[in-house]
Amino acid sequence: MLNPAVTRKIYGKKASDVFGFLLIYVGISNLMSSTMVHFFLDDEGYPFFFFVGCGFSVISLIILFFFEEKKLFK
């Protein structure tokens, strides 16, 4: 979870919008994962969800490499 003060330092005046989006995203992702578990757990099993989580982690890592580093704190 991001700290509101850190979010403000990084995003400036748009910090409240970004912070609100992050809070909404947590709820939406929980609803999506619960729905997926309900429909796919019996058919696919736990390894399926492990590999889905790994796949999203790899995608996040790849996206992270495409953003250039900015010095936000001096």
N, C-alpha and C. Protein backbone atom coordinates (compact mmCIF):
# COMPACT_ATOMS: atom_id res chain seq x y z
N MET A 1 0.84 -1.17 0.00
CA MET A 1 0.00 0.00 0.00
C MET A 1 0.88 1.24 0.00
N LEU A 2 0.54 2.17 -0.81
CA LEU A 2 1.30 3.41 -0.87
C LEU A 2 0.89 4.35 0.25
N ASN A 3 1.84 5.04 0.75
CA ASN A 3 1.60 6.06 1.76
C ASN A 3 1.07 7.31 1.04
N PRO A 4 0.01 7.95 1.55
CA PRO A 4 -0.52 9.15 0.88
C PRO A 4 0.51 10.27 0.73
N ALA A 5 1.40 10.42 1.70
CA ALA A 5 2.42 11.48 1.59
C ALA A 5 3.41 11.18 0.47
N VAL A 6 3.78 9.92 0.32
CA VAL A 6 4.70 9.54 -0.75
C VAL A 6 4.00 9.70 -2.10
N THR A 7 2.73 9.32 -2.17
CA THR A 7 1.96 9.47 -3.40
C THR A 7 1.88 10.95 -3.79
N ARG A 8 1.70 11.81 -2.82
CA ARG A 8 1.64 13.25 -3.07
C ARG A 8 2.98 13.77 -3.61
N LYS A 9 4.07 13.27 -3.04
CA LYS A 9 5.40 13.71 -3.47
C LYS A 9 5.68 13.26 -4.91
N ILE A 10 5.23 12.07 -5.27
CA ILE A 10 5.50 11.53 -6.60
C ILE A 10 4.59 12.15 -7.65
N TYR A 11 3.28 12.24 -7.38
CA TYR A 11 2.31 12.63 -8.39
C TYR A 11 1.81 14.07 -8.29
N GLY A 12 2.19 14.78 -7.24
CA GLY A 12 1.80 16.18 -7.12
C GLY A 12 0.30 16.37 -6.93
N LYS A 13 -0.29 17.25 -7.72
CA LYS A 13 -1.71 17.59 -7.56
C LYS A 13 -2.64 16.44 -7.95
N LYS A 14 -2.16 15.51 -8.75
CA LYS A 14 -2.98 14.35 -9.17
C LYS A 14 -2.91 13.21 -8.15
N ALA A 15 -2.26 13.41 -7.01
CA ALA A 15 -2.06 12.34 -6.04
C ALA A 15 -3.36 11.76 -5.52
N SER A 16 -4.36 12.58 -5.27
CA SER A 16 -5.62 12.06 -4.75
C SER A 16 -6.32 11.18 -5.78
N ASP A 17 -6.23 11.54 -7.05
CA ASP A 17 -6.81 10.70 -8.11
C ASP A 17 -6.09 9.36 -8.20
N VAL A 18 -4.77 9.40 -8.16
CA VAL A 18 -3.97 8.17 -8.25
C VAL A 18 -4.23 7.29 -7.03
N PHE A 19 -4.24 7.89 -5.86
CA PHE A 19 -4.46 7.13 -4.63
C PHE A 19 -5.85 6.50 -4.63
N GLY A 20 -6.86 7.23 -5.07
CA GLY A 20 -8.21 6.69 -5.16
C GLY A 20 -8.29 5.53 -6.14
N PHE A 21 -7.62 5.67 -7.28
CA PHE A 21 -7.59 4.58 -8.26
C PHE A 21 -6.94 3.34 -7.67
N LEU A 22 -5.85 3.52 -6.94
CA LEU A 22 -5.18 2.37 -6.33
C LEU A 22 -6.07 1.67 -5.31
N LEU A 23 -6.82 2.43 -4.55
CA LEU A 23 -7.72 1.81 -3.58
C LEU A 23 -8.87 1.07 -4.26
N ILE A 24 -9.39 1.62 -5.34
CA ILE A 24 -10.45 0.95 -6.08
C ILE A 24 -9.92 -0.31 -6.75
N TYR A 25 -8.68 -0.25 -7.25
CA TYR A 25 -8.09 -1.40 -7.93
C TYR A 25 -8.00 -2.62 -7.01
N VAL A 26 -7.69 -2.41 -5.75
CA VAL A 26 -7.59 -3.52 -4.80
C VAL A 26 -8.93 -4.24 -4.69
N GLY A 27 -10.02 -3.48 -4.57
CA GLY A 27 -11.34 -4.10 -4.49
C GLY A 27 -11.73 -4.84 -5.76
N ILE A 28 -11.44 -4.24 -6.90
CA ILE A 28 -11.77 -4.87 -8.17
C ILE A 28 -10.96 -6.14 -8.37
N SER A 29 -9.68 -6.11 -8.04
CA SER A 29 -8.85 -7.30 -8.21
C SER A 29 -9.28 -8.42 -7.26
N ASN A 30 -9.73 -8.07 -6.05
CA ASN A 30 -10.24 -9.09 -5.14
C ASN A 30 -11.51 -9.74 -5.68
N LEU A 31 -12.40 -8.94 -6.25
CA LEU A 31 -13.61 -9.50 -6.85
C LEU A 31 -13.28 -10.41 -8.03
N MET A 32 -12.34 -9.97 -8.86
CA MET A 32 -11.96 -10.79 -10.02
C MET A 32 -11.30 -12.09 -9.59
N SER A 33 -10.41 -12.05 -8.62
CA SER A 33 -9.73 -13.27 -8.20
C SER A 33 -10.69 -14.23 -7.51
N SER A 34 -11.62 -13.71 -6.73
CA SER A 34 -12.62 -14.58 -6.09
C SER A 34 -13.50 -15.27 -7.13
N THR A 35 -13.87 -14.53 -8.17
CA THR A 35 -14.68 -15.11 -9.25
C THR A 35 -13.89 -16.17 -10.00
N MET A 36 -12.62 -15.89 -10.27
CA MET A 36 -11.79 -16.89 -10.96
C MET A 36 -11.64 -18.16 -10.14
N VAL A 37 -11.41 -18.01 -8.84
CA VAL A 37 -11.27 -19.18 -7.97
C VAL A 37 -12.57 -19.99 -7.97
N HIS A 38 -13.69 -19.31 -7.91
CA HIS A 38 -14.99 -20.00 -7.89
C HIS A 38 -15.19 -20.86 -9.14
N PHE A 39 -14.81 -20.33 -10.29
CA PHE A 39 -15.07 -21.05 -11.54
C PHE A 39 -13.95 -22.01 -11.95
N PHE A 40 -12.71 -21.72 -11.62
CA PHE A 40 -11.59 -22.49 -12.17
C PHE A 40 -10.86 -23.39 -11.19
N LEU A 41 -11.08 -23.26 -9.89
CA LEU A 41 -10.28 -24.02 -8.93
C LEU A 41 -10.49 -25.52 -9.08
N ASP A 42 -11.71 -25.96 -9.21
CA ASP A 42 -11.96 -27.40 -9.33
C ASP A 42 -11.37 -27.98 -10.61
N ASP A 43 -11.44 -27.23 -11.71
CA ASP A 43 -10.95 -27.73 -12.99
C ASP A 43 -9.44 -27.61 -13.13
N GLU A 44 -8.88 -26.49 -12.73
CA GLU A 44 -7.47 -26.20 -13.00
C GLU A 44 -6.56 -26.50 -11.81
N GLY A 45 -7.02 -26.30 -10.61
CA GLY A 45 -6.20 -26.53 -9.42
C GLY A 45 -5.35 -25.32 -9.05
N TYR A 46 -4.62 -25.48 -7.95
CA TYR A 46 -3.82 -24.38 -7.42
C TYR A 46 -2.64 -23.98 -8.30
N PRO A 47 -1.99 -24.93 -9.00
CA PRO A 47 -0.86 -24.51 -9.86
C PRO A 47 -1.27 -23.49 -10.92
N PHE A 48 -2.49 -23.58 -11.43
CA PHE A 48 -2.97 -22.62 -12.41
C PHE A 48 -2.91 -21.21 -11.86
N PHE A 49 -3.38 -21.01 -10.63
CA PHE A 49 -3.39 -19.68 -10.03
C PHE A 49 -1.98 -19.22 -9.69
N PHE A 50 -1.11 -20.16 -9.34
CA PHE A 50 0.28 -19.81 -9.10
C PHE A 50 0.92 -19.27 -10.38
N PHE A 51 0.69 -19.96 -11.50
CA PHE A 51 1.29 -19.53 -12.76
C PHE A 51 0.66 -18.25 -13.30
N VAL A 52 -0.61 -18.03 -13.04
CA VAL A 52 -1.24 -16.76 -13.42
C VAL A 52 -0.59 -15.62 -12.65
N GLY A 53 -0.39 -15.81 -11.34
CA GLY A 53 0.28 -14.79 -10.53
C GLY A 53 1.70 -14.54 -10.98
N CYS A 54 2.42 -15.62 -11.32
CA CYS A 54 3.79 -15.47 -11.83
C CYS A 54 3.80 -14.71 -13.15
N GLY A 55 2.83 -15.01 -14.01
CA GLY A 55 2.76 -14.32 -15.30
C GLY A 55 2.54 -12.83 -15.13
N PHE A 56 1.64 -12.45 -14.23
CA PHE A 56 1.41 -11.02 -13.99
C PHE A 56 2.63 -10.35 -13.36
N SER A 57 3.36 -11.08 -12.53
CA SER A 57 4.58 -10.52 -11.94
C SER A 57 5.63 -10.27 -13.00
N VAL A 58 5.77 -11.20 -13.94
CA VAL A 58 6.74 -11.03 -15.03
C VAL A 58 6.34 -9.85 -15.92
N ILE A 59 5.04 -9.74 -16.21
CA ILE A 59 4.57 -8.61 -17.02
C ILE A 59 4.87 -7.29 -16.31
N SER A 60 4.64 -7.24 -15.00
CA SER A 60 4.94 -6.03 -14.23
C SER A 60 6.42 -5.69 -14.28
N LEU A 61 7.26 -6.71 -14.19
CA LEU A 61 8.70 -6.49 -14.25
C LEU A 61 9.13 -5.96 -15.61
N ILE A 62 8.56 -6.51 -16.67
CA ILE A 62 8.89 -6.04 -18.03
C ILE A 62 8.45 -4.59 -18.21
N ILE A 63 7.25 -4.25 -17.75
CA ILE A 63 6.76 -2.87 -17.85
C ILE A 63 7.67 -1.93 -17.06
N LEU A 64 8.13 -2.39 -15.90
CA LEU A 64 9.00 -1.57 -15.06
C LEU A 64 10.29 -1.20 -15.78
N PHE A 65 10.82 -2.10 -16.58
CA PHE A 65 12.06 -1.83 -17.30
C PHE A 65 11.88 -0.79 -18.41
N PHE A 66 10.66 -0.58 -18.88
CA PHE A 66 10.43 0.37 -19.96
C PHE A 66 10.27 1.81 -19.46
N PHE A 67 10.08 1.99 -18.19
CA PHE A 67 9.97 3.34 -17.64
C PHE A 67 11.35 3.83 -17.25
N GLU A 68 11.64 5.06 -17.61
CA GLU A 68 12.95 5.59 -17.25
C GLU A 68 12.94 6.08 -15.81
N GLU A 69 14.10 6.03 -15.22
CA GLU A 69 14.21 6.41 -13.82
C GLU A 69 14.16 7.92 -13.67
N LYS A 70 13.40 8.39 -12.72
CA LYS A 70 13.34 9.81 -12.42
C LYS A 70 13.75 10.01 -10.98
N LYS A 71 14.50 11.04 -10.75
CA LYS A 71 14.90 11.33 -9.38
C LYS A 71 13.83 12.23 -8.76
N LEU A 72 13.00 11.62 -7.91
CA LEU A 72 11.88 12.34 -7.32
C LEU A 72 12.25 12.99 -6.01
N PHE A 73 13.16 12.38 -5.30
CA PHE A 73 13.53 12.91 -3.99
C PHE A 73 14.97 13.42 -4.06
N LYS A 74 15.15 14.66 -3.70
CA LYS A 74 16.49 15.24 -3.75
C LYS A 74 17.00 15.53 -2.37
